[in-house]
Amino acid sequence: QVQLVESGGGSVQAGDSLRLACAASLRAFTTYAMAWFRQAPGKESEFVAAVSWSGDRTSYSDSVKGRFTISNDRSKHMMYLQMTGLKPGDAAVYSCAAVPVVTDNIYYTDQAKYAHWGRGTQVTVSS
């Protein structure tokens, strides 16, 4: 059973930084594409960042590029999202997602591709 648990959310001021973590219980001998998505109240869920299992291929939405950094630690089955220069528009529930893939250089930006989801962690940014 694949389980994803996010942590690290909180309430910060604009310009501050936060580091989100996703602890993943994954099947052995399986590679996964992983990503972060976020959903603000009254808005649709949107892609934030994705990383391949190898960790060397990443993708970011235009809204966070240059401010957020996604990474993973395969040995610990962890994924991280380092967020800097936070803006009020970044406030949302951030969820991590994972899906088994056949090679370790794949990632997806389409949330429909992901099979496993965490419950999310709240990020609040005040101006």
Protein backbone atom coordinates (compact mmCIF):
# COMPACT_ATOMS: atom_id res chain seq x y z
CA GLN A 1 0.00 0.00 0.00
CA VAL A 2 1.48 3.30 -1.08
CA GLN A 3 1.09 6.12 1.42
CA LEU A 4 2.20 9.72 1.18
CA VAL A 5 2.34 12.08 4.14
CA GLU A 6 3.16 15.76 3.80
CA SER A 7 4.64 18.00 6.47
CA GLY A 8 6.25 21.39 6.82
CA GLY A 9 3.36 23.70 6.08
CA GLY A 10 2.59 26.72 8.19
CA SER A 11 1.81 30.41 8.34
CA VAL A 12 4.51 32.79 7.14
CA GLN A 13 4.98 36.35 5.99
CA ALA A 14 5.47 37.30 2.36
CA GLY A 15 9.10 36.86 1.43
CA ASP A 16 9.69 34.04 3.91
CA SER A 17 10.72 30.50 3.12
CA LEU A 18 9.29 27.08 3.93
CA ARG A 19 10.42 23.55 3.24
CA LEU A 20 7.74 20.97 2.61
CA ALA A 21 8.46 17.27 2.94
CA CYS A 22 6.65 14.23 1.61
CA ALA A 23 7.31 10.92 3.34
CA ALA A 24 6.48 8.08 1.02
CA SER A 25 5.81 4.46 1.80
CA LEU A 26 6.51 2.91 -1.58
CA ARG A 27 6.64 -0.56 -3.04
CA ALA A 28 10.11 -2.04 -3.18
CA PHE A 29 11.91 -2.39 -6.50
CA THR A 30 9.60 0.17 -8.12
CA THR A 31 10.46 3.56 -9.55
CA TYR A 32 8.11 6.51 -9.17
CA ALA A 33 7.51 9.89 -10.69
CA MET A 34 6.59 12.36 -7.97
CA ALA A 35 5.18 15.86 -7.89
CA TRP A 36 3.68 18.63 -5.82
CA PHE A 37 0.30 20.14 -6.56
CA ARG A 38 -1.56 22.86 -4.72
CA GLN A 39 -5.12 24.02 -4.35
CA ALA A 40 -6.25 27.35 -3.02
CA PRO A 41 -9.81 27.92 -1.75
CA GLY A 42 -12.23 28.31 -4.63
CA LYS A 43 -9.61 27.42 -7.22
CA GLU A 44 -8.73 24.30 -9.13
CA SER A 45 -5.77 22.19 -8.23
CA GLU A 46 -2.63 23.27 -10.06
CA PHE A 47 0.73 21.74 -10.83
CA VAL A 48 3.66 23.12 -8.85
CA ALA A 49 6.71 20.94 -9.51
CA ALA A 50 7.68 17.41 -10.51
CA VAL A 51 10.78 15.28 -10.18
CA SER A 52 11.90 12.04 -11.76
CA TRP A 53 12.93 9.11 -9.59
CA SER A 54 16.54 9.70 -10.64
CA GLY A 55 16.22 13.20 -9.25
CA ASP A 56 17.99 14.85 -12.16
CA ARG A 57 14.92 15.79 -14.16
CA THR A 58 12.59 18.41 -12.76
CA SER A 59 9.80 20.66 -13.96
CA TYR A 60 8.19 23.75 -12.47
CA SER A 61 5.14 25.83 -13.13
CA ASP A 62 5.91 29.29 -14.41
CA SER A 63 4.47 30.80 -11.24
CA VAL A 64 7.07 29.17 -8.98
CA LYS A 65 10.08 28.81 -11.28
CA GLY A 66 13.14 30.40 -9.76
CA ARG A 67 11.61 30.46 -6.28
CA PHE A 68 10.81 26.82 -5.52
CA THR A 69 13.13 23.81 -5.70
CA ILE A 70 11.95 20.21 -5.78
CA SER A 71 14.21 17.36 -4.76
CA ASN A 72 14.07 13.79 -3.61
CA ASP A 73 16.02 11.37 -1.49
CA ARG A 74 15.43 7.89 -2.85
CA SER A 75 17.23 6.18 -0.01
CA LYS A 76 14.80 7.72 2.47
CA HIS A 77 11.76 7.71 0.18
CA MET A 78 11.39 11.43 0.73
CA MET A 79 10.51 14.33 -1.55
CA TYR A 80 10.98 17.98 -0.68
CA LEU A 81 9.80 21.36 -1.88
CA GLN A 82 11.98 24.27 -0.83
CA MET A 83 9.93 27.43 -1.20
CA THR A 84 11.54 30.85 -1.06
CA GLY A 85 10.20 34.33 -1.70
CA LEU A 86 6.71 33.23 -0.76
CA LYS A 87 3.84 35.38 -1.96
CA PRO A 88 0.22 35.57 -0.81
CA GLY A 89 -0.70 33.89 -4.09
CA ASP A 90 1.26 30.80 -3.00
CA ALA A 91 -1.16 30.16 -0.15
CA ALA A 92 -2.84 26.81 -0.68
CA VAL A 93 -3.01 23.22 0.46
CA TYR A 94 0.06 21.50 -0.99
CA SER A 95 -0.21 17.81 -1.80
CA CYS A 96 2.37 15.35 -2.97
CA ALA A 97 1.62 12.73 -5.57
CA ALA A 98 3.34 9.63 -6.92
CA VAL A 99 2.90 7.11 -9.69
CA PRO A 100 4.93 4.02 -10.68
CA VAL A 101 6.90 4.48 -13.89
CA VAL A 102 8.97 2.17 -16.03
CA THR A 103 12.15 4.24 -16.08
CA ASP A 104 13.68 6.59 -13.56
CA ASN A 105 13.86 9.63 -15.85
CA ILE A 106 10.10 10.19 -16.19
CA TYR A 107 7.95 12.83 -14.55
CA TYR A 108 4.47 14.13 -15.25
CA THR A 109 2.93 17.56 -14.85
CA ASP A 110 -0.63 16.31 -15.41
CA GLN A 111 -2.32 15.43 -12.14
CA ALA A 112 -4.45 12.83 -13.91
CA LYS A 113 -1.30 10.73 -14.34
CA TYR A 114 -0.76 10.34 -10.62
CA ALA A 115 -2.20 7.37 -8.77
CA HIS A 116 -1.28 8.11 -5.18
CA TRP A 117 -1.91 11.27 -3.20
CA GLY A 118 -1.23 12.61 0.25
CA ARG A 119 -3.78 14.57 2.25
CA GLY A 120 -1.92 17.82 1.96
CA THR A 121 -0.33 20.45 4.17
CA GLN A 122 -1.58 24.00 4.52
CA VAL A 123 0.60 26.94 3.55
CA THR A 124 -0.62 30.41 4.52
CA VAL A 125 1.20 33.54 3.39
CA SER A 126 0.27 36.94 4.75
CA SER A 127 1.29 40.22 3.19
